[in-house]
Amino acid sequence: MSKKETDPETGAITYEHIDDMQNYISGKISFSSGTAVGNVDAQGETAEVKLNAANCSRAGGVYDIFVVFDAITGEGFTDYSNYKIDLKAELYETDNEEGNITNSVANDYLIYTNAKINPNIIKALKNT
């Protein structure tokens, strides 16, 4: 997990690594596909879950895996920003991570925005 940072002088945008995702994600992260479900605590810097590929939904050779989590926000939270979560999936021939299936590694990411809206600005624009 990483947090978007913007250099105030250059405007350069980077994503800085976060070691304690439990400060940004509440409770468990759920991974599901077909009848395969895995839940893992949002702790530390990474979350790993193992799903049995035989139970996952697959269409056209592509596995669909859904990721659900609750971002910490609201009262008391002040660290509003864009957050990036890197995702990696890999298939193995056994549940013991033996026999990596060739060309099965897939990497992707998702970005979510945790923002606070000032309703006074919206009201002011509506009245103009």
Foldseek 3Di string as FASTA:
>chain_A
DWFWDADPPPRDIDTHADFFCCVWWPFWKWKDFQHWIDIFGRGTRDTDDDTDPVRGDDDPNDTDIDIDTHTDADPPDDPWGKHKDKDWDWDAPDPVRHHTDPPRIDIDMDIDTHDDDDVVVVVVVVVD
